[in-house]
Amino acid sequence: MARPGAVAAPLLRGLRGLAAYFRGVMGADAYRKYLEHHEACGHSAAPMNERQFWRERMDRQDTDPQGRCC
C-alpha cells in the first residue's frame, strides 16, 4: 500500500502548478514580472511601487483596450 505522503506530494505539486497557471492567466503576477523586467533591463530609476503599477496598468487598459474579455 502506498504511503499517504507519496500520493499527496504529487497532488499538491499539481494543485500549486494549476494555481500558478491561473494567477498568470488572470494577470495577478504582473507586478512581479514587471519588477523582474525592471531589474533585468538595468533601469537607473527606481521601479514603480505596486499601487502605481496597477493604477498605470488600469489607465493604459482604459485608454487602449486590447484583447480582454470585458
C-alpha atoms as a PDB file:
ATOM      1  CA  MET A   1       0.000   0.000   0.000  1.00  0.00           C
ATOM      2  CA  ALA A   2       1.285   3.489  -0.891  1.00  0.00           C
ATOM      3  CA  ARG A   3       2.241   5.910   1.831  1.00  0.00           C
ATOM      4  CA  PRO A   4      -0.131   8.890   2.161  1.00  0.00           C
ATOM      5  CA  GLY A   5       2.764  11.304   1.574  1.00  0.00           C
ATOM      6  CA  ALA A   6       3.740   9.532  -1.634  1.00  0.00           C
ATOM      7  CA  VAL A   7       0.318  10.280  -3.093  1.00  0.00           C
ATOM      8  CA  ALA A   8      -0.190  13.711  -1.545  1.00  0.00           C
ATOM      9  CA  ALA A   9       3.106  15.264  -2.700  1.00  0.00           C
ATOM     10  CA  PRO A  10       2.473  14.940  -6.458  1.00  0.00           C
ATOM     11  CA  LEU A  11      -1.135  16.014  -5.992  1.00  0.00           C
ATOM     12  CA  LEU A  12      -0.034  19.095  -4.045  1.00  0.00           C
ATOM     13  CA  ARG A  13       2.568  19.941  -6.724  1.00  0.00           C
ATOM     14  CA  GLY A  14      -0.131  19.662  -9.372  1.00  0.00           C
ATOM     15  CA  LEU A  15      -2.503  21.933  -7.471  1.00  0.00           C
ATOM     16  CA  ARG A  16       0.253  24.504  -6.947  1.00  0.00           C
ATOM     17  CA  GLY A  17       1.031  24.411 -10.655  1.00  0.00           C
ATOM     18  CA  LEU A  18      -2.635  24.875 -11.505  1.00  0.00           C
ATOM     19  CA  ALA A  19      -2.886  27.836  -9.109  1.00  0.00           C
ATOM     20  CA  ALA A  20       0.230  29.422 -10.652  1.00  0.00           C
ATOM     21  CA  TYR A  21      -1.260  28.952 -14.121  1.00  0.00           C
ATOM     22  CA  PHE A  22      -4.487  30.722 -13.152  1.00  0.00           C
ATOM     23  CA  ARG A  23      -2.563  33.561 -11.482  1.00  0.00           C
ATOM     24  CA  GLY A  24      -0.709  34.020 -14.766  1.00  0.00           C
ATOM     25  CA  VAL A  25      -3.878  33.945 -16.852  1.00  0.00           C
ATOM     26  CA  MET A  26      -5.579  36.461 -14.572  1.00  0.00           C
ATOM     27  CA  GLY A  27      -2.532  38.752 -14.504  1.00  0.00           C
ATOM     28  CA  ALA A  28      -2.015  38.513 -10.746  1.00  0.00           C
ATOM     29  CA  ASP A  29       1.722  38.018 -11.264  1.00  0.00           C
ATOM     30  CA  ALA A  30       2.111  41.093 -13.499  1.00  0.00           C
ATOM     31  CA  TYR A  31       3.781  43.246 -10.832  1.00  0.00           C
ATOM     32  CA  ARG A  32       6.325  40.524 -10.045  1.00  0.00           C
ATOM     33  CA  LYS A  33       7.098  40.201 -13.751  1.00  0.00           C
ATOM     34  CA  TYR A  34       7.420  43.986 -14.028  1.00  0.00           C
ATOM     35  CA  LEU A  35       9.958  44.044 -11.180  1.00  0.00           C
ATOM     36  CA  GLU A  36      11.946  41.204 -12.762  1.00  0.00           C
ATOM     37  CA  HIS A  37      11.959  43.005 -16.115  1.00  0.00           C
ATOM     38  CA  HIS A  38      12.905  46.323 -14.497  1.00  0.00           C
ATOM     39  CA  GLU A  39      15.870  44.719 -12.747  1.00  0.00           C
ATOM     40  CA  ALA A  40      16.977  42.721 -15.796  1.00  0.00           C
ATOM     41  CA  CYS A  41      17.000  45.811 -18.037  1.00  0.00           C
ATOM     42  CA  GLY A  42      19.120  47.804 -15.590  1.00  0.00           C
ATOM     43  CA  HIS A  43      16.934  50.902 -15.363  1.00  0.00           C
ATOM     44  CA  SER A  44      18.520  53.701 -13.347  1.00  0.00           C
ATOM     45  CA  ALA A  45      15.209  54.969 -11.943  1.00  0.00           C
ATOM     46  CA  ALA A  46      13.508  53.197  -9.073  1.00  0.00           C
ATOM     47  CA  PRO A  47      10.631  50.900 -10.081  1.00  0.00           C
ATOM     48  CA  MET A  48       7.048  51.976  -9.504  1.00  0.00           C
ATOM     49  CA  ASN A  49       5.515  50.796  -6.273  1.00  0.00           C
ATOM     50  CA  GLU A  50       2.744  48.238  -6.592  1.00  0.00           C
ATOM     51  CA  ARG A  51      -0.060  50.779  -6.271  1.00  0.00           C
ATOM     52  CA  GLN A  52       1.419  52.975  -9.019  1.00  0.00           C
ATOM     53  CA  PHE A  53       1.945  49.944 -11.236  1.00  0.00           C
ATOM     54  CA  TRP A  54      -1.673  48.776 -11.020  1.00  0.00           C
ATOM     55  CA  ARG A  55      -3.037  52.312 -11.481  1.00  0.00           C
ATOM     56  CA  GLU A  56      -0.966  52.815 -14.630  1.00  0.00           C
ATOM     57  CA  ARG A  57      -1.904  49.380 -15.936  1.00  0.00           C
ATOM     58  CA  MET A  58      -5.639  50.053 -15.479  1.00  0.00           C
ATOM     59  CA  ASP A  59      -5.348  53.530 -17.007  1.00  0.00           C
ATOM     60  CA  ARG A  60      -3.495  52.090 -20.006  1.00  0.00           C
ATOM     61  CA  GLN A  61      -6.173  49.414 -20.490  1.00  0.00           C
ATOM     62  CA  ASP A  62      -8.940  52.016 -20.283  1.00  0.00           C
ATOM     63  CA  THR A  63      -7.359  54.256 -22.902  1.00  0.00           C
ATOM     64  CA  ASP A  64      -6.215  51.457 -25.224  1.00  0.00           C
ATOM     65  CA  PRO A  65      -8.228  48.261 -24.627  1.00  0.00           C
ATOM     66  CA  GLN A  66      -6.643  45.241 -26.283  1.00  0.00           C
ATOM     67  CA  GLY A  67      -7.558  41.594 -26.073  1.00  0.00           C
ATOM     68  CA  ARG A  68      -9.580  41.462 -22.918  1.00  0.00           C
ATOM     69  CA  CYS A  69     -12.886  39.812 -22.286  1.00  0.00           C
ATOM     70  CA  CYS A  70     -14.816  42.674 -20.673  1.00  0.00           C
END
